[in-house]
Amino acid sequence: MINIQHLTFRYKKQDALFTDLSFEQQQGSIVGLLGKNGAGKSTLLQLISGLLKPQTGDLLVNNFKPFDRSPNFLSDIYMVSEEFSFPSITIGLYIKATAPLYPKFDYEKMNHILQQFELETKKNLNGLSHGQRKKFLIAFALSTNCSLLILDEPTNGLDIPSKSLFRKILVSSVSDEQLVLISTHQVKDIETVIDTIVVLDEGKIVYNESVFSISEQLQFKTVASLTGEATIYQEKCLGGHRIIIPANELEETEIDIELLFNAIINKVTLKPENHVVK
């Protein structure tokens, strides 16, 4: 699906953003792509979607070189950018004009998602609020049934009920033949839907683990005291500490993605065997 080997990319008159970047991902996953501001998440998504060209290295998506912009490549990938604009036309006319570009487009799914988002096809896109236009774009993306969906900050501009509905619709709308890449700073908005966590830092993929694997290795808790805990990473909070500890067979906890991300960025070794109770 995505195969990146030893990729280098730099913007003109700037230091290289990526040097020797490698990354592979197959279909059947909803991947959360995380990183600090300026880490290059949006740039990586633009490289994968063919909007930018790497200087060196190999980049294949569905066995296509993205920057070649092959029609067969473009008809099976859809990217929801953080910044977007629409012509001054109705939702219905936009669908009529644009959906034929995607051979697997599902009109029934589109109508169903529009109903869930309470969007009417007769409404002019530029007469909608930013959040409503974002919901339409998400609905359209999911209805293309493209094998690769890229969502850059998809929950920005959505209110709390819409974020909850987005998660529900996303999970029910994608299949095992698809790969969804979600880049976001709003980790709480996606932590219940992603099944793989990828962290980009200093021009490299520094973490790539399935949620299942993380749950097998680590536990996430809030405790009043650190006494007796084989703490891998901890942060102070109201009432005590948020901690990451080695997992045990008797208890499974929800993953605290924010805490996990902070541990990774601080270069904490997350292998449980390297930590013992003191």
C-alpha atoms as a PDB file:
ATOM      1  CA  MET A   1       0.000   0.000   0.000  1.00  0.00           C
ATOM      2  CA  ILE A   2       2.541   2.630   1.184  1.00  0.00           C
ATOM      3  CA  ASN A   3       6.242   1.894   0.795  1.00  0.00           C
ATOM      4  CA  ILE A   4       8.775   4.636   1.560  1.00  0.00           C
ATOM      5  CA  GLN A   5      12.484   3.827   1.551  1.00  0.00           C
ATOM      6  CA  HIS A   6      15.348   6.219   2.369  1.00  0.00           C
ATOM      7  CA  LEU A   7      13.394   9.326   1.379  1.00  0.00           C
ATOM      8  CA  THR A   8      14.884  12.811   1.509  1.00  0.00           C
ATOM      9  CA  PHE A   9      12.848  15.986   1.179  1.00  0.00           C
ATOM     10  CA  ARG A  10      13.627  19.641   1.688  1.00  0.00           C
ATOM     11  CA  TYR A  11      11.898  22.883   0.818  1.00  0.00           C
ATOM     12  CA  LYS A  12      13.961  25.392  -1.150  1.00  0.00           C
ATOM     13  CA  LYS A  13      16.581  27.276   0.884  1.00  0.00           C
ATOM     14  CA  GLN A  14      15.801  25.179   3.987  1.00  0.00           C
ATOM     15  CA  ASP A  15      17.471  22.306   5.761  1.00  0.00           C
ATOM     16  CA  ALA A  16      16.197  18.839   4.917  1.00  0.00           C
ATOM     17  CA  LEU A  17      12.906  18.057   6.646  1.00  0.00           C
ATOM     18  CA  PHE A  18      13.315  14.323   6.022  1.00  0.00           C
ATOM     19  CA  THR A  19      16.600  12.472   5.694  1.00  0.00           C
ATOM     20  CA  ASP A  20      16.603   8.708   5.128  1.00  0.00           C
ATOM     21  CA  LEU A  21      12.902   8.378   6.028  1.00  0.00           C
ATOM     22  CA  SER A  22      11.459   4.872   5.704  1.00  0.00           C
ATOM     23  CA  PHE A  23       7.868   3.822   6.370  1.00  0.00           C
ATOM     24  CA  GLU A  24       5.603   0.969   5.307  1.00  0.00           C
ATOM     25  CA  GLN A  25       1.886   0.492   5.927  1.00  0.00           C
ATOM     26  CA  GLN A  26      -0.625  -1.976   4.507  1.00  0.00           C
ATOM     27  CA  GLN A  27      -4.386  -1.718   4.109  1.00  0.00           C
ATOM     28  CA  GLY A  28      -6.827  -2.704   6.829  1.00  0.00           C
ATOM     29  CA  SER A  29      -5.799  -0.078   9.387  1.00  0.00           C
ATOM     30  CA  ILE A  30      -6.827   3.319  10.713  1.00  0.00           C
ATOM     31  CA  VAL A  31      -3.490   4.930  11.529  1.00  0.00           C
ATOM     32  CA  GLY A  32      -2.953   7.915  13.801  1.00  0.00           C
ATOM     33  CA  LEU A  33       0.040   9.967  12.600  1.00  0.00           C
ATOM     34  CA  LEU A  34       1.348  12.081  15.470  1.00  0.00           C
ATOM     35  CA  GLY A  35       4.168  14.584  15.816  1.00  0.00           C
ATOM     36  CA  LYS A  36       5.099  17.973  17.212  1.00  0.00           C
ATOM     37  CA  ASN A  37       4.404  21.185  15.312  1.00  0.00           C
ATOM     38  CA  GLY A  38       6.844  21.369  12.416  1.00  0.00           C
ATOM     39  CA  ALA A  39       7.637  17.649  12.504  1.00  0.00           C
ATOM     40  CA  GLY A  40       6.486  17.321   8.904  1.00  0.00           C
ATOM     41  CA  LYS A  41       3.192  15.453   9.224  1.00  0.00           C
ATOM     42  CA  SER A  42       1.367  17.509   6.590  1.00  0.00           C
ATOM     43  CA  THR A  43       4.413  17.406   4.296  1.00  0.00           C
ATOM     44  CA  LEU A  44       4.547  13.616   4.559  1.00  0.00           C
ATOM     45  CA  LEU A  45       0.864  13.385   3.657  1.00  0.00           C
ATOM     46  CA  GLN A  46       1.435  15.664   0.660  1.00  0.00           C
ATOM     47  CA  LEU A  47       4.324  13.465  -0.493  1.00  0.00           C
ATOM     48  CA  ILE A  48       2.171  10.354  -0.188  1.00  0.00           C
ATOM     49  CA  SER A  49      -0.679  12.004  -2.098  1.00  0.00           C
ATOM     50  CA  GLY A  50       1.608  13.242  -4.885  1.00  0.00           C
ATOM     51  CA  LEU A  51       1.400  16.965  -4.166  1.00  0.00           C
ATOM     52  CA  LEU A  52       5.141  17.103  -3.447  1.00  0.00           C
ATOM     53  CA  LYS A  53       8.097  15.238  -4.925  1.00  0.00           C
ATOM     54  CA  PRO A  54      10.965  13.848  -2.835  1.00  0.00           C
ATOM     55  CA  GLN A  55      14.525  14.745  -3.792  1.00  0.00           C
ATOM     56  CA  THR A  56      15.865  11.222  -3.261  1.00  0.00           C
ATOM     57  CA  GLY A  57      14.604   7.826  -2.169  1.00  0.00           C
ATOM     58  CA  ASP A  58      11.754   5.552  -3.221  1.00  0.00           C
ATOM     59  CA  LEU A  59       8.069   6.299  -2.633  1.00  0.00           C
ATOM     60  CA  LEU A  60       5.337   3.979  -3.878  1.00  0.00           C
ATOM     61  CA  VAL A  61       1.621   4.079  -3.076  1.00  0.00           C
ATOM     62  CA  ASN A  62      -0.459   1.240  -4.514  1.00  0.00           C
ATOM     63  CA  ASN A  63       2.590   0.530  -6.715  1.00  0.00           C
ATOM     64  CA  PHE A  64       2.412   4.040  -8.231  1.00  0.00           C
ATOM     65  CA  LYS A  65       4.890   6.891  -7.890  1.00  0.00           C
ATOM     66  CA  PRO A  66       2.535   9.538  -6.451  1.00  0.00           C
ATOM     67  CA  PHE A  67       4.098  12.586  -8.126  1.00  0.00           C
ATOM     68  CA  ASP A  68       3.540  11.028 -11.568  1.00  0.00           C
ATOM     69  CA  ARG A  69      -0.143  11.805 -10.908  1.00  0.00           C
ATOM     70  CA  SER A  70      -1.407   8.784 -12.844  1.00  0.00           C
ATOM     71  CA  PRO A  71      -5.223   8.867 -13.301  1.00  0.00           C
ATOM     72  CA  ASN A  72      -5.436   5.345 -11.870  1.00  0.00           C
ATOM     73  CA  PHE A  73      -3.543   6.526  -8.803  1.00  0.00           C
ATOM     74  CA  LEU A  74      -5.608   9.687  -8.341  1.00  0.00           C
ATOM     75  CA  SER A  75      -8.934   7.849  -8.667  1.00  0.00           C
ATOM     76  CA  ASP A  76      -8.103   5.592  -5.708  1.00  0.00           C
ATOM     77  CA  ILE A  77      -6.778   8.108  -3.179  1.00  0.00           C
ATOM     78  CA  TYR A  78      -8.568  10.966  -1.430  1.00  0.00           C
ATOM     79  CA  MET A  79      -7.103  13.582   0.881  1.00  0.00           C
ATOM     80  CA  VAL A  80      -9.039  15.827   3.246  1.00  0.00           C
ATOM     81  CA  SER A  81      -6.700  18.772   3.830  1.00  0.00           C
ATOM     82  CA  GLU A  82      -6.788  20.997   6.896  1.00  0.00           C
ATOM     83  CA  GLU A  83      -7.285  23.996   4.604  1.00  0.00           C
ATOM     84  CA  PHE A  84      -9.816  23.701   1.770  1.00  0.00           C
ATOM     85  CA  SER A  85     -12.129  25.712  -0.462  1.00  0.00           C
ATOM     86  CA  PHE A  86     -15.180  25.019  -2.623  1.00  0.00           C
ATOM     87  CA  PRO A  87     -16.769  26.617  -5.679  1.00  0.00           C
ATOM     88  CA  SER A  88     -20.040  28.442  -5.045  1.00  0.00           C
ATOM     89  CA  ILE A  89     -22.320  25.517  -5.933  1.00  0.00           C
ATOM     90  CA  THR A  90     -24.745  23.264  -4.100  1.00  0.00           C
ATOM     91  CA  ILE A  91     -23.786  20.042  -2.395  1.00  0.00           C
ATOM     92  CA  GLY A  92     -25.835  18.105  -4.950  1.00  0.00           C
ATOM     93  CA  LEU A  93     -24.107  19.708  -7.932  1.00  0.00           C
ATOM     94  CA  TYR A  94     -20.661  19.154  -6.415  1.00  0.00           C
ATOM     95  CA  ILE A  95     -21.424  15.455  -5.987  1.00  0.00           C
ATOM     96  CA  LYS A  96     -22.783  15.203  -9.538  1.00  0.00           C
ATOM     97  CA  ALA A  97     -19.696  16.873 -11.010  1.00  0.00           C
ATOM     98  CA  THR A  98     -16.993  15.252  -8.867  1.00  0.00           C
ATOM     99  CA  ALA A  99     -18.149  11.771  -7.834  1.00  0.00           C
ATOM    100  CA  PRO A 100     -17.639  10.252 -11.351  1.00  0.00           C
ATOM    101  CA  LEU A 101     -13.887  10.793 -10.898  1.00  0.00           C
ATOM    102  CA  TYR A 102     -13.940   7.972  -8.329  1.00  0.00           C
ATOM    103  CA  PRO A 103     -15.033   4.616  -9.822  1.00  0.00           C
ATOM    104  CA  LYS A 104     -15.980   3.112  -6.450  1.00  0.00           C
ATOM    105  CA  PHE A 105     -18.072   6.080  -5.307  1.00  0.00           C
ATOM    106  CA  ASP A 106     -21.126   4.967  -3.281  1.00  0.00           C
ATOM    107  CA  TYR A 107     -24.048   7.398  -3.706  1.00  0.00           C
ATOM    108  CA  GLU A 108     -26.188   5.538  -1.171  1.00  0.00           C
ATOM    109  CA  LYS A 109     -23.455   5.822   1.457  1.00  0.00           C
ATOM    110  CA  MET A 110     -23.092   9.516   0.632  1.00  0.00           C
ATOM    111  CA  ASN A 111     -26.786  10.190   1.158  1.00  0.00           C
ATOM    112  CA  HIS A 112     -26.777   8.231   4.408  1.00  0.00           C
ATOM    113  CA  ILE A 113     -23.801  10.151   5.846  1.00  0.00           C
ATOM    114  CA  LEU A 114     -25.264  13.481   4.746  1.00  0.00           C
ATOM    115  CA  GLN A 115     -28.430  12.608   6.655  1.00  0.00           C
ATOM    116  CA  GLN A 116     -26.410  11.725   9.753  1.00  0.00           C
ATOM    117  CA  PHE A 117     -24.537  15.033   9.499  1.00  0.00           C
ATOM    118  CA  GLU A 118     -27.847  16.869   8.832  1.00  0.00           C
ATOM    119  CA  LEU A 119     -26.659  18.313   5.510  1.00  0.00           C
ATOM    120  CA  GLU A 120     -29.062  18.982   2.641  1.00  0.00           C
ATOM    121  CA  THR A 121     -27.981  18.583  -0.989  1.00  0.00           C
ATOM    122  CA  LYS A 122     -29.687  21.836  -2.006  1.00  0.00           C
ATOM    123  CA  LYS A 123     -27.464  23.909   0.317  1.00  0.00           C
ATOM    124  CA  ASN A 124     -24.717  26.020  -1.263  1.00  0.00           C
ATOM    125  CA  LEU A 125     -21.313  24.889  -0.008  1.00  0.00           C
ATOM    126  CA  ASN A 126     -20.050  28.427   0.507  1.00  0.00           C
ATOM    127  CA  GLY A 127     -23.141  29.260   2.541  1.00  0.00           C
ATOM    128  CA  LEU A 128     -22.245  26.630   5.128  1.00  0.00           C
ATOM    129  CA  SER A 129     -20.190  27.154   8.263  1.00  0.00           C
ATOM    130  CA  HIS A 130     -16.604  25.880   8.355  1.00  0.00           C
ATOM    131  CA  GLY A 131     -17.678  22.910  10.472  1.00  0.00           C
ATOM    132  CA  GLN A 132     -20.491  21.989   8.092  1.00  0.00           C
ATOM    133  CA  ARG A 133     -18.184  22.168   5.084  1.00  0.00           C
ATOM    134  CA  LYS A 134     -15.680  19.961   6.933  1.00  0.00           C
ATOM    135  CA  LYS A 135     -18.439  17.413   7.588  1.00  0.00           C
ATOM    136  CA  PHE A 136     -19.385  17.428   3.906  1.00  0.00           C
ATOM    137  CA  LEU A 137     -15.767  16.880   2.884  1.00  0.00           C
ATOM    138  CA  ILE A 138     -15.461  13.954   5.296  1.00  0.00           C
ATOM    139  CA  ALA A 139     -18.721  12.478   3.974  1.00  0.00           C
ATOM    140  CA  PHE A 140     -17.497  12.786   0.385  1.00  0.00           C
ATOM    141  CA  ALA A 141     -14.115  11.242   1.214  1.00  0.00           C
ATOM    142  CA  LEU A 142     -15.672   8.215   2.895  1.00  0.00           C
ATOM    143  CA  SER A 143     -18.106   7.748   0.018  1.00  0.00           C
ATOM    144  CA  THR A 144     -15.324   7.529  -2.581  1.00  0.00           C
ATOM    145  CA  ASN A 145     -14.332   4.132  -1.118  1.00  0.00           C
ATOM    146  CA  CYS A 146     -10.762   4.887  -2.177  1.00  0.00           C
ATOM    147  CA  SER A 147      -8.182   2.380  -0.991  1.00  0.00           C
ATOM    148  CA  LEU A 148      -6.238   5.208   0.695  1.00  0.00           C
ATOM    149  CA  LEU A 149      -7.949   7.992   2.649  1.00  0.00           C
ATOM    150  CA  ILE A 150      -5.808  10.772   4.130  1.00  0.00           C
ATOM    151  CA  LEU A 151      -7.371  12.993   6.780  1.00  0.00           C
ATOM    152  CA  ASP A 152      -5.313  15.985   7.938  1.00  0.00           C
ATOM    153  CA  GLU A 153      -6.757  17.391  11.197  1.00  0.00           C
ATOM    154  CA  PRO A 154     -10.266  16.091  10.364  1.00  0.00           C
ATOM    155  CA  THR A 155     -11.867  17.172  13.658  1.00  0.00           C
ATOM    156  CA  ASN A 156     -10.719  20.803  13.531  1.00  0.00           C
ATOM    157  CA  GLY A 157     -13.832  22.965  13.275  1.00  0.00           C
ATOM    158  CA  LEU A 158     -16.198  20.256  14.500  1.00  0.00           C
ATOM    159  CA  ASP A 159     -18.237  20.743  17.671  1.00  0.00           C
ATOM    160  CA  ILE A 160     -18.303  18.039  20.358  1.00  0.00           C
ATOM    161  CA  PRO A 161     -21.421  16.170  19.070  1.00  0.00           C
ATOM    162  CA  SER A 162     -20.005  16.232  15.519  1.00  0.00           C
ATOM    163  CA  LYS A 163     -16.688  14.791  16.708  1.00  0.00           C
ATOM    164  CA  SER A 164     -18.529  11.908  18.341  1.00  0.00           C
ATOM    165  CA  LEU A 165     -20.574  11.351  15.190  1.00  0.00           C
ATOM    166  CA  PHE A 166     -17.418  11.519  13.046  1.00  0.00           C
ATOM    167  CA  ARG A 167     -15.880   8.650  15.015  1.00  0.00           C
ATOM    168  CA  LYS A 168     -19.020   6.552  14.673  1.00  0.00           C
ATOM    169  CA  ILE A 169     -19.331   7.189  10.928  1.00  0.00           C
ATOM    170  CA  LEU A 170     -15.635   6.593  10.261  1.00  0.00           C
ATOM    171  CA  VAL A 171     -15.568   3.185  11.924  1.00  0.00           C
ATOM    172  CA  SER A 172     -18.757   2.048  10.179  1.00  0.00           C
ATOM    173  CA  SER A 173     -17.726   3.358   6.742  1.00  0.00           C
ATOM    174  CA  VAL A 174     -14.268   1.909   6.081  1.00  0.00           C
ATOM    175  CA  SER A 175     -13.419  -1.663   5.101  1.00  0.00           C
ATOM    176  CA  ASP A 176     -10.441  -3.995   5.495  1.00  0.00           C
ATOM    177  CA  GLU A 177      -9.425  -3.158   1.920  1.00  0.00           C
ATOM    178  CA  GLN A 178      -8.785   0.467   2.883  1.00  0.00           C
ATOM    179  CA  LEU A 179      -6.052   2.333   4.715  1.00  0.00           C
ATOM    180  CA  VAL A 180      -6.910   5.530   6.600  1.00  0.00           C
ATOM    181  CA  LEU A 181      -4.155   7.924   7.667  1.00  0.00           C
ATOM    182  CA  ILE A 182      -5.209  10.521  10.225  1.00  0.00           C
ATOM    183  CA  SER A 183      -2.818  13.318  11.144  1.00  0.00           C
ATOM    184  CA  THR A 184      -3.924  15.288  14.189  1.00  0.00           C
ATOM    185  CA  HIS A 185      -2.946  17.180  17.306  1.00  0.00           C
ATOM    186  CA  GLN A 186      -6.350  16.394  18.820  1.00  0.00           C
ATOM    187  CA  VAL A 187      -5.460  12.880  19.992  1.00  0.00           C
ATOM    188  CA  LYS A 188      -8.493  12.627  22.276  1.00  0.00           C
ATOM    189  CA  ASP A 189     -10.720  12.936  19.203  1.00  0.00           C
ATOM    190  CA  ILE A 190      -9.367   9.784  17.553  1.00  0.00           C
ATOM    191  CA  GLU A 191      -8.022   7.537  20.302  1.00  0.00           C
ATOM    192  CA  THR A 192     -11.047   5.214  20.185  1.00  0.00           C
ATOM    193  CA  VAL A 193     -10.943   4.647  16.423  1.00  0.00           C
ATOM    194  CA  ILE A 194      -7.281   4.184  15.477  1.00  0.00           C
ATOM    195  CA  ASP A 195      -5.656   0.762  15.575  1.00  0.00           C
ATOM    196  CA  THR A 196      -2.073   1.854  14.858  1.00  0.00           C
ATOM    197  CA  ILE A 197      -0.012   4.717  16.295  1.00  0.00           C
ATOM    198  CA  VAL A 198       2.817   6.238  14.257  1.00  0.00           C
ATOM    199  CA  VAL A 199       5.013   9.035  15.615  1.00  0.00           C
ATOM    200  CA  LEU A 200       7.124  11.293  13.410  1.00  0.00           C
ATOM    201  CA  ASP A 201      10.003  13.145  15.053  1.00  0.00           C
ATOM    202  CA  GLU A 202      13.208  14.775  13.817  1.00  0.00           C
ATOM    203  CA  GLY A 203      12.624  13.616  10.255  1.00  0.00           C
ATOM    204  CA  LYS A 204      12.107   9.951  11.067  1.00  0.00           C
ATOM    205  CA  ILE A 205       9.382   7.511  12.063  1.00  0.00           C
ATOM    206  CA  VAL A 206      10.378   6.869  15.685  1.00  0.00           C
ATOM    207  CA  TYR A 207       7.370   4.759  16.705  1.00  0.00           C
ATOM    208  CA  ASN A 208       5.033   2.444  14.802  1.00  0.00           C
ATOM    209  CA  GLU A 209       2.937   0.065  16.909  1.00  0.00           C
ATOM    210  CA  SER A 210      -0.531  -1.420  16.823  1.00  0.00           C
ATOM    211  CA  VAL A 211      -2.905  -0.546  19.642  1.00  0.00           C
ATOM    212  CA  PHE A 212      -3.169  -4.263  20.401  1.00  0.00           C
ATOM    213  CA  SER A 213       0.609  -4.563  20.809  1.00  0.00           C
ATOM    214  CA  ILE A 214       0.738  -1.487  23.039  1.00  0.00           C
ATOM    215  CA  SER A 215      -2.033  -2.887  25.258  1.00  0.00           C
ATOM    216  CA  GLU A 216      -0.117  -6.146  25.594  1.00  0.00           C
ATOM    217  CA  GLN A 217       3.034  -4.343  26.727  1.00  0.00           C
ATOM    218  CA  LEU A 218       1.917  -1.287  28.689  1.00  0.00           C
ATOM    219  CA  GLN A 219      -0.644  -0.020  31.186  1.00  0.00           C
ATOM    220  CA  PHE A 220      -1.742   3.568  31.738  1.00  0.00           C
ATOM    221  CA  LYS A 221      -2.919   4.703  35.174  1.00  0.00           C
ATOM    222  CA  THR A 222      -3.422   7.663  37.461  1.00  0.00           C
ATOM    223  CA  VAL A 223      -2.026   7.027  40.966  1.00  0.00           C
ATOM    224  CA  ALA A 224      -1.705   9.069  44.132  1.00  0.00           C
ATOM    225  CA  SER A 225       1.853   7.866  44.815  1.00  0.00           C
ATOM    226  CA  LEU A 226       4.693   6.359  42.793  1.00  0.00           C
ATOM    227  CA  THR A 227       5.754   4.031  45.622  1.00  0.00           C
ATOM    228  CA  GLY A 228       6.195   0.444  44.484  1.00  0.00           C
ATOM    229  CA  GLU A 229       5.412   1.144  40.827  1.00  0.00           C
ATOM    230  CA  ALA A 230       7.757   0.011  38.034  1.00  0.00           C
ATOM    231  CA  THR A 231       7.202   3.353  36.357  1.00  0.00           C
ATOM    232  CA  ILE A 232       8.317   3.675  32.750  1.00  0.00           C
ATOM    233  CA  TYR A 233       7.147   7.286  32.422  1.00  0.00           C
ATOM    234  CA  GLN A 234       5.223   9.661  34.645  1.00  0.00           C
ATOM    235  CA  GLU A 235       3.743  13.144  34.643  1.00  0.00           C
ATOM    236  CA  LYS A 236       2.313  15.051  37.592  1.00  0.00           C
ATOM    237  CA  CYS A 237      -1.406  15.755  37.509  1.00  0.00           C
ATOM    238  CA  LEU A 238      -4.181  16.755  39.885  1.00  0.00           C
ATOM    239  CA  GLY A 239      -4.369  14.122  42.585  1.00  0.00           C
ATOM    240  CA  GLY A 240      -1.052  12.461  41.829  1.00  0.00           C
ATOM    241  CA  HIS A 241       0.657  11.156  38.722  1.00  0.00           C
ATOM    242  CA  ARG A 242      -0.280   9.802  35.312  1.00  0.00           C
ATOM    243  CA  ILE A 243       1.987   6.841  34.703  1.00  0.00           C
ATOM    244  CA  ILE A 244       2.968   4.229  32.153  1.00  0.00           C
ATOM    245  CA  ILE A 245       3.937   0.853  33.652  1.00  0.00           C
ATOM    246  CA  PRO A 246       4.562  -2.646  32.268  1.00  0.00           C
ATOM    247  CA  ALA A 247       1.373  -4.566  31.541  1.00  0.00           C
ATOM    248  CA  ASN A 248       0.267  -7.590  33.539  1.00  0.00           C
ATOM    249  CA  GLU A 249      -2.091 -10.423  32.650  1.00  0.00           C
ATOM    250  CA  LEU A 250      -4.670  -9.509  35.304  1.00  0.00           C
ATOM    251  CA  GLU A 251      -5.626  -6.037  34.099  1.00  0.00           C
ATOM    252  CA  GLU A 252      -5.966  -4.138  30.835  1.00  0.00           C
ATOM    253  CA  THR A 253      -6.197  -0.342  30.742  1.00  0.00           C
ATOM    254  CA  GLU A 254      -7.151   2.179  28.082  1.00  0.00           C
ATOM    255  CA  ILE A 255      -4.232   3.706  26.206  1.00  0.00           C
ATOM    256  CA  ASP A 256      -3.497   7.310  27.119  1.00  0.00           C
ATOM    257  CA  ILE A 257      -2.210   8.439  23.716  1.00  0.00           C
ATOM    258  CA  GLU A 258      -1.182  11.873  24.956  1.00  0.00           C
ATOM    259  CA  LEU A 259       0.943  10.365  27.732  1.00  0.00           C
ATOM    260  CA  LEU A 260       2.383   7.778  25.343  1.00  0.00           C
ATOM    261  CA  PHE A 261       3.265  10.502  22.823  1.00  0.00           C
ATOM    262  CA  ASN A 262       5.005  12.597  25.471  1.00  0.00           C
ATOM    263  CA  ALA A 263       7.055   9.572  26.546  1.00  0.00           C
ATOM    264  CA  ILE A 264       8.103   8.878  22.948  1.00  0.00           C
ATOM    265  CA  ILE A 265       9.056  12.507  22.246  1.00  0.00           C
ATOM    266  CA  ASN A 266      11.103  12.524  25.462  1.00  0.00           C
ATOM    267  CA  LYS A 267      12.928   9.452  24.129  1.00  0.00           C
ATOM    268  CA  VAL A 268      11.807   7.181  26.948  1.00  0.00           C
ATOM    269  CA  THR A 269      12.491   3.481  26.398  1.00  0.00           C
ATOM    270  CA  LEU A 270       9.073   1.836  26.371  1.00  0.00           C
ATOM    271  CA  LYS A 271      10.195  -1.788  26.502  1.00  0.00           C
ATOM    272  CA  PRO A 272       8.799  -3.235  29.767  1.00  0.00           C
ATOM    273  CA  GLU A 273      11.756  -5.595  30.272  1.00  0.00           C
ATOM    274  CA  ASN A 274      14.011  -2.568  30.797  1.00  0.00           C
ATOM    275  CA  HIS A 275      12.056  -1.504  33.887  1.00  0.00           C
ATOM    276  CA  VAL A 276      11.858  -3.247  37.254  1.00  0.00           C
ATOM    277  CA  VAL A 277      10.063  -2.517  40.504  1.00  0.00           C
ATOM    278  CA  LYS A 278      12.346  -0.710  42.928  1.00  0.00           C
END
